[in-house]
């Protein structure tokens, strides 16, 4: 089940921050924490998982940090959601076989349909789309200085 947790929200915000504020050097986690107010205990765990999944690339060392592993337009929000959903260990109540027949045959299928619809929307929303939203909202960042509309 899709549940917007702090980790999921922070993961999306962190990837967006990296895409929106990236320069020639990798973005350090301390910069993301400063700009987004994401606690480091959440951030480091999330960033490492995103590196392992191939969404981000990490560079070690004093000038290290994170950058996107692919172009902004090739990373979907749905992909990030799946990575964090797999990281979280909460049980999915939809999978619980207990419950009344109405719940199993009517409510749970409805919830699964809604979840599928949400994931389709998230799969078609890219980090590029979110960067454009931030730019249109007037949020200062490096993205607006280097609009990238390559196909």
N, C-alpha and C. Protein backbone atom coordinates (compact mmCIF):
# COMPACT_ATOMS: atom_id res chain seq x y z
N UNK A 1 0.85 -1.18 0.00
CA UNK A 1 0.00 0.00 0.00
C UNK A 1 0.89 1.24 0.00
N UNK A 2 0.49 2.25 -0.71
CA UNK A 2 1.25 3.49 -0.74
C UNK A 2 0.84 4.33 0.46
N UNK A 3 1.81 4.63 1.28
CA UNK A 3 1.59 5.49 2.43
C UNK A 3 2.69 6.54 2.38
N UNK A 4 2.31 7.79 2.38
CA UNK A 4 3.30 8.85 2.31
C UNK A 4 3.96 8.99 3.68
N UNK A 5 5.11 8.36 3.82
CA UNK A 5 5.86 8.41 5.07
C UNK A 5 6.88 9.54 5.00
N UNK A 6 7.49 9.84 6.14
CA UNK A 6 8.54 10.86 6.16
C UNK A 6 9.68 10.46 5.24
N UNK A 7 10.08 9.19 5.29
CA UNK A 7 11.18 8.75 4.44
C UNK A 7 10.86 8.93 2.97
N UNK A 8 9.64 8.60 2.59
CA UNK A 8 9.27 8.72 1.18
C UNK A 8 9.26 10.19 0.75
N UNK A 9 8.68 11.03 1.57
CA UNK A 9 8.64 12.46 1.28
C UNK A 9 10.06 13.03 1.21
N UNK A 10 10.89 12.66 2.17
CA UNK A 10 12.27 13.14 2.20
C UNK A 10 13.06 12.63 0.99
N UNK A 11 12.80 11.40 0.56
CA UNK A 11 13.51 10.86 -0.60
C UNK A 11 13.18 11.64 -1.86
N UNK A 12 11.90 11.90 -2.05
CA UNK A 12 11.48 12.67 -3.23
C UNK A 12 12.07 14.08 -3.17
N UNK A 13 12.00 14.71 -2.00
CA UNK A 13 12.56 16.05 -1.84
C UNK A 13 14.07 16.07 -2.06
N UNK A 14 14.77 15.05 -1.58
CA UNK A 14 16.22 15.00 -1.73
C UNK A 14 16.62 14.85 -3.20
N UNK A 15 15.95 13.96 -3.93
CA UNK A 15 16.26 13.78 -5.36
C UNK A 15 15.93 15.06 -6.12
N UNK A 16 14.81 15.68 -5.78
CA UNK A 16 14.44 16.94 -6.42
C UNK A 16 15.47 18.02 -6.11
N UNK A 17 15.91 18.10 -4.87
CA UNK A 17 16.92 19.09 -4.48
C UNK A 17 18.21 18.89 -5.26
N UNK A 18 18.63 17.65 -5.40
CA UNK A 18 19.86 17.36 -6.15
C UNK A 18 19.68 17.77 -7.61
N UNK A 19 18.55 17.46 -8.20
CA UNK A 19 18.30 17.82 -9.60
C UNK A 19 18.19 19.32 -9.78
N UNK A 20 17.56 19.99 -8.83
CA UNK A 20 17.27 21.41 -8.96
C UNK A 20 18.47 22.30 -8.63
N UNK A 21 19.36 21.78 -7.78
CA UNK A 21 20.47 22.61 -7.32
C UNK A 21 21.85 22.08 -7.71
N UNK A 22 21.90 21.05 -8.53
CA UNK A 22 23.18 20.46 -8.91
C UNK A 22 24.03 21.43 -9.74
N UNK A 23 25.31 21.36 -9.51
CA UNK A 23 26.27 22.11 -10.32
C UNK A 23 27.29 21.09 -10.83
N UNK A 24 28.46 21.53 -11.20
CA UNK A 24 29.49 20.62 -11.70
C UNK A 24 29.99 19.69 -10.60
N UNK A 25 29.87 20.10 -9.35
CA UNK A 25 30.31 19.26 -8.24
C UNK A 25 29.09 18.55 -7.62
N UNK A 26 29.31 17.39 -7.02
CA UNK A 26 28.20 16.68 -6.39
C UNK A 26 27.58 17.50 -5.25
N UNK A 27 26.31 17.25 -4.99
CA UNK A 27 25.59 17.93 -3.91
C UNK A 27 25.84 17.16 -2.63
N UNK A 28 26.32 17.85 -1.61
CA UNK A 28 26.59 17.20 -0.33
C UNK A 28 25.32 17.11 0.50
N UNK A 29 25.23 16.05 1.30
CA UNK A 29 24.03 15.84 2.11
C UNK A 29 23.80 17.00 3.09
N UNK A 30 24.88 17.62 3.55
CA UNK A 30 24.72 18.77 4.47
C UNK A 30 24.02 19.94 3.77
N UNK A 31 24.24 20.09 2.46
CA UNK A 31 23.55 21.14 1.70
C UNK A 31 22.06 20.84 1.60
N UNK A 32 21.73 19.57 1.37
CA UNK A 32 20.32 19.18 1.29
C UNK A 32 19.65 19.40 2.64
N UNK A 33 20.32 19.01 3.71
CA UNK A 33 19.78 19.20 5.06
C UNK A 33 19.53 20.68 5.32
N UNK A 34 20.49 21.51 4.93
CA UNK A 34 20.34 22.96 5.16
C UNK A 34 19.18 23.54 4.35
N UNK A 35 19.08 23.16 3.09
CA UNK A 35 18.03 23.73 2.24
C UNK A 35 16.65 23.17 2.53
N UNK A 36 16.57 21.87 2.79
CA UNK A 36 15.26 21.22 2.92
C UNK A 36 14.85 20.93 4.36
N UNK A 37 15.79 21.05 5.29
CA UNK A 37 15.47 20.77 6.69
C UNK A 37 15.23 19.30 6.96
N UNK A 38 15.79 18.43 6.15
CA UNK A 38 15.63 16.99 6.33
C UNK A 38 16.67 16.53 7.36
N UNK A 39 16.22 15.88 8.43
CA UNK A 39 17.18 15.38 9.43
C UNK A 39 18.17 14.41 8.80
N UNK A 40 19.43 14.54 9.17
CA UNK A 40 20.48 13.71 8.57
C UNK A 40 20.27 12.23 8.80
N UNK A 41 19.66 11.86 9.95
CA UNK A 41 19.47 10.44 10.23
C UNK A 41 18.55 9.80 9.19
N UNK A 42 17.57 10.54 8.69
CA UNK A 42 16.71 10.05 7.61
C UNK A 42 17.45 10.14 6.28
N UNK A 43 18.08 11.27 6.08
CA UNK A 43 18.65 11.58 4.78
C UNK A 43 19.72 10.58 4.34
N UNK A 44 20.68 10.30 5.20
CA UNK A 44 21.77 9.41 4.81
C UNK A 44 21.27 8.02 4.43
N UNK A 45 20.35 7.48 5.21
CA UNK A 45 19.80 6.16 4.92
C UNK A 45 19.09 6.17 3.56
N UNK A 46 18.29 7.20 3.32
CA UNK A 46 17.54 7.32 2.07
C UNK A 46 18.49 7.49 0.89
N UNK A 47 19.49 8.35 1.03
CA UNK A 47 20.42 8.59 -0.07
C UNK A 47 21.18 7.32 -0.44
N UNK A 48 21.62 6.57 0.56
CA UNK A 48 22.34 5.33 0.28
C UNK A 48 21.46 4.32 -0.47
N UNK A 49 20.21 4.24 -0.08
CA UNK A 49 19.28 3.32 -0.76
C UNK A 49 19.05 3.77 -2.21
N UNK A 50 18.97 5.07 -2.42
CA UNK A 50 18.78 5.60 -3.77
C UNK A 50 20.02 5.37 -4.64
N UNK A 51 21.20 5.38 -4.02
CA UNK A 51 22.43 5.04 -4.75
C UNK A 51 22.41 3.56 -5.13
N UNK A 52 22.07 2.69 -4.18
CA UNK A 52 22.03 1.25 -4.45
C UNK A 52 21.02 0.91 -5.55
N UNK A 53 19.96 1.69 -5.65
CA UNK A 53 18.93 1.41 -6.65
C UNK A 53 19.24 2.03 -8.01
N UNK A 54 20.29 2.83 -8.11
CA UNK A 54 20.67 3.40 -9.39
C UNK A 54 19.99 4.71 -9.74
N UNK A 55 19.32 5.32 -8.77
CA UNK A 55 18.71 6.64 -9.01
C UNK A 55 19.74 7.74 -8.82
N UNK A 56 20.57 7.58 -7.81
CA UNK A 56 21.64 8.54 -7.52
C UNK A 56 22.99 7.86 -7.69
N UNK A 57 24.01 8.68 -7.88
CA UNK A 57 25.39 8.22 -7.88
C UNK A 57 26.10 8.95 -6.74
N UNK A 58 26.85 8.23 -5.95
CA UNK A 58 27.56 8.84 -4.83
C UNK A 58 29.03 8.92 -5.10
N UNK A 59 29.64 10.01 -4.62
CA UNK A 59 31.07 10.21 -4.74
C UNK A 59 31.62 10.41 -3.34
N UNK A 60 32.63 9.62 -2.97
CA UNK A 60 33.21 9.72 -1.63
C UNK A 60 34.28 10.79 -1.58
N UNK A 61 34.63 11.18 -0.37
CA UNK A 61 35.73 12.12 -0.18
C UNK A 61 35.25 13.48 0.23
N UNK A 62 36.21 14.36 0.53
CA UNK A 62 35.86 15.70 1.04
C UNK A 62 35.07 16.55 0.04
N UNK A 63 35.23 16.29 -1.23
CA UNK A 63 34.47 17.04 -2.25
C UNK A 63 33.38 16.17 -2.85
N UNK A 64 33.07 15.10 -2.14
CA UNK A 64 32.08 14.14 -2.63
C UNK A 64 30.66 14.60 -2.35
N UNK A 65 29.74 13.75 -2.73
CA UNK A 65 28.33 14.05 -2.54
C UNK A 65 27.51 13.18 -3.47
N UNK A 66 26.39 13.71 -3.89
CA UNK A 66 25.44 12.94 -4.70
C UNK A 66 25.06 13.72 -5.96
N UNK A 67 24.81 12.96 -6.99
CA UNK A 67 24.29 13.50 -8.24
C UNK A 67 23.33 12.47 -8.82
N UNK A 68 22.52 12.91 -9.75
CA UNK A 68 21.60 11.98 -10.39
C UNK A 68 22.39 10.96 -11.21
N UNK A 69 21.97 9.72 -11.18
CA UNK A 69 22.64 8.68 -11.96
C UNK A 69 22.19 8.71 -13.42
N UNK A 70 21.03 9.33 -13.65
CA UNK A 70 20.48 9.47 -15.01
C UNK A 70 19.94 10.89 -15.17
N UNK A 71 19.52 11.22 -16.36
CA UNK A 71 18.92 12.53 -16.61
C UNK A 71 17.63 12.67 -15.81
N UNK A 72 17.30 13.91 -15.45
CA UNK A 72 16.08 14.20 -14.68
C UNK A 72 14.83 13.65 -15.35
N UNK A 73 14.81 13.72 -16.65
CA UNK A 73 13.61 13.29 -17.38
C UNK A 73 13.50 11.77 -17.45
N UNK A 74 14.51 11.06 -16.98
CA UNK A 74 14.50 9.60 -17.00
C UNK A 74 14.32 8.99 -15.61
N UNK A 75 14.02 9.82 -14.63
CA UNK A 75 13.76 9.33 -13.27
C UNK A 75 12.34 9.71 -12.91
N UNK A 76 11.51 8.70 -12.62
CA UNK A 76 10.12 8.98 -12.26
C UNK A 76 9.96 9.00 -10.75
N UNK A 77 8.95 9.71 -10.31
CA UNK A 77 8.63 9.75 -8.88
C UNK A 77 8.21 8.35 -8.43
N UNK A 78 7.53 7.61 -9.31
CA UNK A 78 7.12 6.25 -8.99
C UNK A 78 8.30 5.35 -8.66
N UNK A 79 9.39 5.53 -9.37
CA UNK A 79 10.60 4.74 -9.12
C UNK A 79 11.13 5.01 -7.71
N UNK A 80 11.15 6.26 -7.31
CA UNK A 80 11.60 6.64 -5.97
C UNK A 80 10.67 6.05 -4.92
N UNK A 81 9.37 6.15 -5.16
CA UNK A 81 8.38 5.62 -4.22
C UNK A 81 8.58 4.12 -4.00
N UNK A 82 8.83 3.38 -5.08
CA UNK A 82 9.03 1.94 -4.95
C UNK A 82 10.28 1.61 -4.14
N UNK A 83 11.35 2.36 -4.35
CA UNK A 83 12.59 2.12 -3.61
C UNK A 83 12.35 2.31 -2.12
N UNK A 84 11.70 3.38 -1.75
CA UNK A 84 11.48 3.66 -0.33
C UNK A 84 10.43 2.73 0.25
N UNK A 85 9.42 2.40 -0.52
CA UNK A 85 8.41 1.46 -0.04
C UNK A 85 9.06 0.12 0.30
N UNK A 86 10.01 -0.33 -0.51
CA UNK A 86 10.71 -1.58 -0.24
C UNK A 86 11.61 -1.46 1.00
N UNK A 87 12.09 -0.25 1.27
CA UNK A 87 12.94 -0.01 2.44
C UNK A 87 12.14 -0.06 3.73
N UNK A 88 10.92 0.39 3.68
CA UNK A 88 10.08 0.42 4.87
C UNK A 88 9.53 -0.97 5.14
N UNK A 89 9.46 -1.32 6.40
CA UNK A 89 9.11 -2.69 6.76
C UNK A 89 7.68 -2.84 7.29
N UNK A 90 6.89 -1.79 7.27
CA UNK A 90 5.52 -1.89 7.79
C UNK A 90 4.72 -2.91 6.98
N UNK A 91 3.89 -3.67 7.68
CA UNK A 91 3.06 -4.65 7.00
C UNK A 91 1.95 -3.96 6.22
N UNK A 92 1.64 -4.53 5.09
CA UNK A 92 0.58 -4.01 4.24
C UNK A 92 -0.75 -4.63 4.67
N UNK A 93 -1.70 -3.81 5.18
CA UNK A 93 -2.96 -4.39 5.63
C UNK A 93 -3.78 -5.02 4.50
N UNK A 94 -3.52 -4.66 3.27
CA UNK A 94 -4.23 -5.24 2.13
C UNK A 94 -3.88 -6.73 2.01
N UNK A 95 -2.66 -7.08 2.37
CA UNK A 95 -2.21 -8.48 2.24
C UNK A 95 -2.72 -9.37 3.37
N UNK A 96 -3.25 -8.79 4.43
CA UNK A 96 -3.74 -9.56 5.57
C UNK A 96 -5.00 -10.34 5.15
N UNK A 97 -4.96 -11.67 5.29
CA UNK A 97 -6.12 -12.46 4.86
C UNK A 97 -7.33 -12.33 5.79
N UNK A 98 -7.12 -11.80 6.98
CA UNK A 98 -8.23 -11.66 7.93
C UNK A 98 -9.21 -10.59 7.44
N UNK A 99 -10.40 -10.64 7.98
CA UNK A 99 -11.39 -9.63 7.66
C UNK A 99 -12.64 -10.23 7.06
N UNK A 100 -13.63 -9.40 6.96
CA UNK A 100 -14.93 -9.83 6.45
C UNK A 100 -14.91 -9.91 4.93
N UNK A 101 -15.91 -10.60 4.41
CA UNK A 101 -16.01 -10.79 2.96
C UNK A 101 -16.16 -9.46 2.22
N UNK A 102 -16.91 -8.52 2.79
CA UNK A 102 -17.04 -7.19 2.16
C UNK A 102 -15.68 -6.52 2.02
N UNK A 103 -14.88 -6.63 3.05
CA UNK A 103 -13.54 -6.04 3.00
C UNK A 103 -12.65 -6.70 1.98
N UNK A 104 -12.66 -8.03 1.97
CA UNK A 104 -11.79 -8.78 1.05
C UNK A 104 -12.22 -8.64 -0.40
N UNK A 105 -13.53 -8.61 -0.66
CA UNK A 105 -13.99 -8.64 -2.04
C UNK A 105 -14.40 -7.29 -2.61
N UNK A 106 -14.59 -6.29 -1.73
CA UNK A 106 -15.03 -4.98 -2.22
C UNK A 106 -14.04 -3.88 -1.86
N UNK A 107 -13.76 -3.73 -0.57
CA UNK A 107 -12.92 -2.60 -0.13
C UNK A 107 -11.47 -2.77 -0.57
N UNK A 108 -10.89 -3.93 -0.32
CA UNK A 108 -9.48 -4.13 -0.69
C UNK A 108 -9.24 -4.04 -2.18
N UNK A 109 -10.09 -4.64 -3.02
CA UNK A 109 -9.89 -4.45 -4.47
C UNK A 109 -10.00 -2.98 -4.88
N UNK A 110 -10.91 -2.24 -4.27
CA UNK A 110 -11.01 -0.81 -4.56
C UNK A 110 -9.71 -0.11 -4.21
N UNK A 111 -9.18 -0.44 -3.05
CA UNK A 111 -7.94 0.19 -2.61
C UNK A 111 -6.79 -0.16 -3.54
N UNK A 112 -6.74 -1.38 -4.00
CA UNK A 112 -5.70 -1.79 -4.94
C UNK A 112 -5.83 -1.05 -6.27
N UNK A 113 -7.05 -0.84 -6.74
CA UNK A 113 -7.28 -0.08 -7.97
C UNK A 113 -6.79 1.36 -7.81
N UNK A 114 -7.13 1.96 -6.66
CA UNK A 114 -6.69 3.34 -6.40
C UNK A 114 -5.17 3.42 -6.34
N UNK A 115 -4.57 2.45 -5.68
CA UNK A 115 -3.11 2.43 -5.57
C UNK A 115 -2.47 2.30 -6.94
N UNK A 116 -3.03 1.44 -7.78
CA UNK A 116 -2.51 1.26 -9.14
C UNK A 116 -2.63 2.56 -9.94
N UNK A 117 -3.73 3.25 -9.79
CA UNK A 117 -3.94 4.53 -10.47
C UNK A 117 -2.92 5.57 -10.01
N UNK A 118 -2.69 5.64 -8.72
CA UNK A 118 -1.71 6.59 -8.17
C UNK A 118 -0.32 6.26 -8.70
N UNK A 119 0.05 4.99 -8.71
CA UNK A 119 1.38 4.61 -9.19
C UNK A 119 1.55 4.92 -10.67
N UNK A 120 0.50 4.77 -11.47
CA UNK A 120 0.59 5.14 -12.89
C UNK A 120 0.88 6.63 -13.03
N UNK A 121 0.22 7.44 -12.20
CA UNK A 121 0.46 8.88 -12.24
C UNK A 121 1.89 9.20 -11.80
N UNK A 122 2.36 8.56 -10.75
CA UNK A 122 3.72 8.79 -10.27
C UNK A 122 4.75 8.30 -11.28
N UNK A 123 4.44 7.24 -12.00
CA UNK A 123 5.36 6.73 -13.02
C UNK A 123 5.48 7.67 -14.22
N UNK A 124 4.46 8.47 -14.47
CA UNK A 124 4.53 9.41 -15.59
C UNK A 124 5.02 10.79 -15.16
N UNK A 125 5.22 10.99 -13.87
CA UNK A 125 5.75 12.25 -13.35
C UNK A 125 7.24 12.09 -13.12
N UNK A 126 8.03 12.91 -13.82
CA UNK A 126 9.48 12.80 -13.72
C UNK A 126 10.04 13.88 -12.79
N UNK A 127 11.28 13.70 -12.44
CA UNK A 127 11.98 14.72 -11.65
C UNK A 127 12.08 16.01 -12.46
N UNK A 128 12.21 15.88 -13.77
CA UNK A 128 12.20 17.06 -14.65
C UNK A 128 10.89 17.83 -14.48
N UNK A 129 9.76 17.11 -14.43
CA UNK A 129 8.46 17.76 -14.23
C UNK A 129 8.43 18.54 -12.92
N UNK A 130 8.96 17.94 -11.86
CA UNK A 130 8.98 18.61 -10.55
C UNK A 130 9.91 19.82 -10.56
N UNK A 131 11.03 19.71 -11.27
CA UNK A 131 11.94 20.86 -11.40
C UNK A 131 11.24 22.02 -12.10
N UNK A 132 10.49 21.70 -13.16
CA UNK A 132 9.75 22.74 -13.87
C UNK A 132 8.69 23.38 -12.97
N UNK A 133 8.03 22.59 -12.15
CA UNK A 133 7.06 23.14 -11.20
C UNK A 133 7.73 24.09 -10.22
N UNK A 134 8.89 23.69 -9.71
CA UNK A 134 9.62 24.54 -8.77
C UNK A 134 10.06 25.83 -9.44
N UNK A 135 10.53 25.73 -10.68
CA UNK A 135 10.95 26.91 -11.43
C UNK A 135 9.78 27.86 -11.65
N UNK A 136 8.63 27.30 -12.06
CA UNK A 136 7.44 28.13 -12.28
C UNK A 136 6.93 28.76 -11.00
N UNK A 137 7.17 28.09 -9.87
CA UNK A 137 6.74 28.63 -8.58
C UNK A 137 7.69 29.71 -8.07
N UNK A 138 8.79 29.93 -8.82
CA UNK A 138 9.73 30.98 -8.45
C UNK A 138 10.70 30.58 -7.35
N UNK A 139 10.88 29.31 -7.14
CA UNK A 139 11.81 28.83 -6.11
C UNK A 139 13.23 28.99 -6.64
N UNK A 140 14.08 29.72 -5.93
CA UNK A 140 15.44 29.92 -6.43
C UNK A 140 16.23 28.62 -6.40
N UNK A 141 17.05 28.44 -7.41
CA UNK A 141 17.89 27.25 -7.52
C UNK A 141 18.70 27.31 -8.78
N UNK A 142 19.59 26.37 -8.93
CA UNK A 142 20.46 26.33 -10.09
C UNK A 142 19.70 25.93 -11.35
N UNK A 143 18.61 25.20 -11.21
CA UNK A 143 17.86 24.67 -12.36
C UNK A 143 17.45 25.77 -13.32
N UNK A 144 16.91 26.86 -12.80
CA UNK A 144 16.42 27.93 -13.65
C UNK A 144 17.51 28.59 -14.47
N UNK A 145 18.75 28.47 -14.00
CA UNK A 145 19.86 29.08 -14.73
C UNK A 145 20.33 28.23 -15.89
N UNK A 146 19.88 26.98 -15.93
CA UNK A 146 20.34 26.08 -16.98
C UNK A 146 19.22 25.16 -17.44
N UNK A 147 18.16 25.77 -17.92
CA UNK A 147 17.02 24.97 -18.39
C UNK A 147 17.50 23.98 -19.43
N UNK A 148 17.08 22.74 -19.29
CA UNK A 148 17.55 21.67 -20.16
C UNK A 148 16.34 21.01 -20.83
N UNK A 149 16.13 21.31 -22.09
CA UNK A 149 15.00 20.75 -22.81
C UNK A 149 15.47 19.80 -23.91
N UNK A 150 16.62 19.18 -23.73
CA UNK A 150 17.12 18.26 -24.74
C UNK A 150 16.24 17.03 -24.84
N UNK A 151 16.15 16.51 -26.04
CA UNK A 151 15.31 15.33 -26.28
C UNK A 151 16.17 14.14 -26.63
